[in-house]
Amino acid sequence: MTMKLAALVGGVLLVAGCAHPVSLEDLNEVRAAAQTAQSAANDAQRVANEARQLAQGAQSTANSALSAAQDAQACCDATNQRLDRMFEEQVSK
């Protein structure tokens, strides 16, 4: 962060030096803008991390639901097979 801020301030000084001398007020404005941008970036990272956690939770829930659905389908298939066998036994008598 400090290196980025120093590079930003240095770049602004270089560009601003061509136009007029840089005042302490100018430096403070640049510093404030950099801090605001860093704060916004930190907030965005926090929100992205929260979204990732929510997505991982949703994926886990979806995986559990898929597993339950597959188990229910297997049970249904087994029940249908038993019923088919019972029907065939009754028809063959």
C-alpha atoms as a PDB file:
ATOM      1  CA  MET A   1       0.000   0.000   0.000  1.00  0.00           C
ATOM      2  CA  THR A   2       2.760   2.419   0.949  1.00  0.00           C
ATOM      3  CA  MET A   3       4.691   1.674  -2.233  1.00  0.00           C
ATOM      4  CA  LYS A   4       1.591   2.170  -4.346  1.00  0.00           C
ATOM      5  CA  LEU A   5       0.801   5.413  -2.590  1.00  0.00           C
ATOM      6  CA  ALA A   6       4.386   6.628  -2.999  1.00  0.00           C
ATOM      7  CA  ALA A   7       4.326   5.761  -6.701  1.00  0.00           C
ATOM      8  CA  LEU A   8       1.000   7.526  -7.129  1.00  0.00           C
ATOM      9  CA  VAL A   9       2.199  10.629  -5.322  1.00  0.00           C
ATOM     10  CA  GLY A  10       5.472  10.559  -7.250  1.00  0.00           C
ATOM     11  CA  GLY A  11       3.622  10.332 -10.539  1.00  0.00           C
ATOM     12  CA  VAL A  12       1.340  13.168  -9.598  1.00  0.00           C
ATOM     13  CA  LEU A  13       4.331  15.263  -8.535  1.00  0.00           C
ATOM     14  CA  LEU A  14       6.068  14.606 -11.828  1.00  0.00           C
ATOM     15  CA  VAL A  15       3.013  15.562 -13.860  1.00  0.00           C
ATOM     16  CA  ALA A  16       2.071  18.453 -11.608  1.00  0.00           C
ATOM     17  CA  GLY A  17       5.657  19.707 -11.563  1.00  0.00           C
ATOM     18  CA  CYS A  18       5.368  20.530 -15.241  1.00  0.00           C
ATOM     19  CA  ALA A  19       2.325  22.700 -14.645  1.00  0.00           C
ATOM     20  CA  HIS A  20       3.035  24.439 -11.330  1.00  0.00           C
ATOM     21  CA  PRO A  21       4.801  23.861  -8.047  1.00  0.00           C
ATOM     22  CA  VAL A  22       3.125  21.245  -5.844  1.00  0.00           C
ATOM     23  CA  SER A  23       1.807  22.469  -2.550  1.00  0.00           C
ATOM     24  CA  LEU A  24       1.232  20.541   0.639  1.00  0.00           C
ATOM     25  CA  GLU A  25      -2.475  20.955  -0.004  1.00  0.00           C
ATOM     26  CA  ASP A  26      -2.094  19.248  -3.396  1.00  0.00           C
ATOM     27  CA  LEU A  27      -0.245  16.360  -1.751  1.00  0.00           C
ATOM     28  CA  ASN A  28      -2.918  16.033   0.913  1.00  0.00           C
ATOM     29  CA  GLU A  29      -5.623  15.931  -1.761  1.00  0.00           C
ATOM     30  CA  VAL A  30      -3.778  13.210  -3.646  1.00  0.00           C
ATOM     31  CA  ARG A  31      -3.217  11.276  -0.433  1.00  0.00           C
ATOM     32  CA  ALA A  32      -6.914  11.585   0.478  1.00  0.00           C
ATOM     33  CA  ALA A  33      -7.952  10.411  -2.996  1.00  0.00           C
ATOM     34  CA  ALA A  34      -5.580   7.450  -2.780  1.00  0.00           C
ATOM     35  CA  GLN A  35      -6.881   6.527   0.659  1.00  0.00           C
ATOM     36  CA  THR A  36     -10.470   6.770  -0.566  1.00  0.00           C
ATOM     37  CA  ALA A  37      -9.642   4.546  -3.528  1.00  0.00           C
ATOM     38  CA  GLN A  38      -7.888   2.030  -1.260  1.00  0.00           C
ATOM     39  CA  SER A  39     -10.862   2.008   1.088  1.00  0.00           C
ATOM     40  CA  ALA A  40     -13.238   1.391  -1.822  1.00  0.00           C
ATOM     41  CA  ALA A  41     -11.015  -1.426  -3.064  1.00  0.00           C
ATOM     42  CA  ASN A  42     -10.940  -2.976   0.415  1.00  0.00           C
ATOM     43  CA  ASP A  43     -14.731  -2.766   0.624  1.00  0.00           C
ATOM     44  CA  ALA A  44     -15.086  -4.371  -2.804  1.00  0.00           C
ATOM     45  CA  GLN A  45     -12.744  -7.187  -1.770  1.00  0.00           C
ATOM     46  CA  ARG A  46     -14.744  -7.777   1.412  1.00  0.00           C
ATOM     47  CA  VAL A  47     -18.005  -7.925  -0.543  1.00  0.00           C
ATOM     48  CA  ALA A  48     -16.434 -10.291  -3.086  1.00  0.00           C
ATOM     49  CA  ASN A  49     -15.257 -12.570  -0.277  1.00  0.00           C
ATOM     50  CA  GLU A  50     -18.730 -12.601   1.251  1.00  0.00           C
ATOM     51  CA  ALA A  51     -20.259 -13.397  -2.138  1.00  0.00           C
ATOM     52  CA  ARG A  52     -17.795 -16.253  -2.620  1.00  0.00           C
ATOM     53  CA  GLN A  53     -18.748 -17.686   0.781  1.00  0.00           C
ATOM     54  CA  LEU A  54     -22.440 -17.454  -0.070  1.00  0.00           C
ATOM     55  CA  ALA A  55     -21.835 -19.132  -3.424  1.00  0.00           C
ATOM     56  CA  GLN A  56     -19.888 -21.929  -1.758  1.00  0.00           C
ATOM     57  CA  GLY A  57     -22.756 -22.433   0.690  1.00  0.00           C
ATOM     58  CA  ALA A  58     -25.248 -22.525  -2.165  1.00  0.00           C
ATOM     59  CA  GLN A  59     -23.093 -25.054  -4.030  1.00  0.00           C
ATOM     60  CA  SER A  60     -22.942 -27.248  -0.944  1.00  0.00           C
ATOM     61  CA  THR A  61     -26.726 -27.081  -0.570  1.00  0.00           C
ATOM     62  CA  ALA A  62     -27.186 -27.902  -4.264  1.00  0.00           C
ATOM     63  CA  ASN A  63     -24.831 -30.874  -3.960  1.00  0.00           C
ATOM     64  CA  SER A  64     -26.804 -32.166  -0.963  1.00  0.00           C
ATOM     65  CA  ALA A  65     -30.074 -31.742  -2.846  1.00  0.00           C
ATOM     66  CA  LEU A  66     -28.673 -33.599  -5.858  1.00  0.00           C
ATOM     67  CA  SER A  67     -27.518 -36.457  -3.649  1.00  0.00           C
ATOM     68  CA  ALA A  68     -30.936 -36.673  -1.985  1.00  0.00           C
ATOM     69  CA  ALA A  69     -32.668 -36.618  -5.376  1.00  0.00           C
ATOM     70  CA  GLN A  70     -30.411 -39.389  -6.661  1.00  0.00           C
ATOM     71  CA  ASP A  71     -31.137 -41.482  -3.564  1.00  0.00           C
ATOM     72  CA  ALA A  72     -34.878 -40.917  -3.999  1.00  0.00           C
ATOM     73  CA  GLN A  73     -34.648 -41.881  -7.678  1.00  0.00           C
ATOM     74  CA  ALA A  74     -32.760 -45.076  -6.810  1.00  0.00           C
ATOM     75  CA  CYS A  75     -35.417 -45.958  -4.232  1.00  0.00           C
ATOM     76  CA  CYS A  76     -38.188 -45.243  -6.755  1.00  0.00           C
ATOM     77  CA  ASP A  77     -36.454 -47.381  -9.398  1.00  0.00           C
ATOM     78  CA  ALA A  78     -36.079 -50.264  -6.914  1.00  0.00           C
ATOM     79  CA  THR A  79     -39.741 -49.992  -5.911  1.00  0.00           C
ATOM     80  CA  ASN A  80     -40.835 -50.020  -9.561  1.00  0.00           C
ATOM     81  CA  GLN A  81     -38.707 -53.104 -10.231  1.00  0.00           C
ATOM     82  CA  ARG A  82     -40.274 -54.916  -7.258  1.00  0.00           C
ATOM     83  CA  LEU A  83     -43.754 -53.970  -8.430  1.00  0.00           C
ATOM     84  CA  ASP A  84     -42.950 -55.156 -11.969  1.00  0.00           C
ATOM     85  CA  ARG A  85     -41.725 -58.509 -10.616  1.00  0.00           C
ATOM     86  CA  MET A  86     -44.828 -58.879  -8.436  1.00  0.00           C
ATOM     87  CA  PHE A  87     -47.072 -58.091 -11.410  1.00  0.00           C
ATOM     88  CA  GLU A  88     -45.216 -60.565 -13.627  1.00  0.00           C
ATOM     89  CA  GLU A  89     -45.547 -63.245 -10.938  1.00  0.00           C
ATOM     90  CA  GLN A  90     -49.275 -62.639 -10.675  1.00  0.00           C
ATOM     91  CA  VAL A  91     -49.755 -62.694 -14.438  1.00  0.00           C
ATOM     92  CA  SER A  92     -47.756 -65.916 -14.873  1.00  0.00           C
ATOM     93  CA  LYS A  93     -49.905 -67.871 -12.323  1.00  0.00           C
END
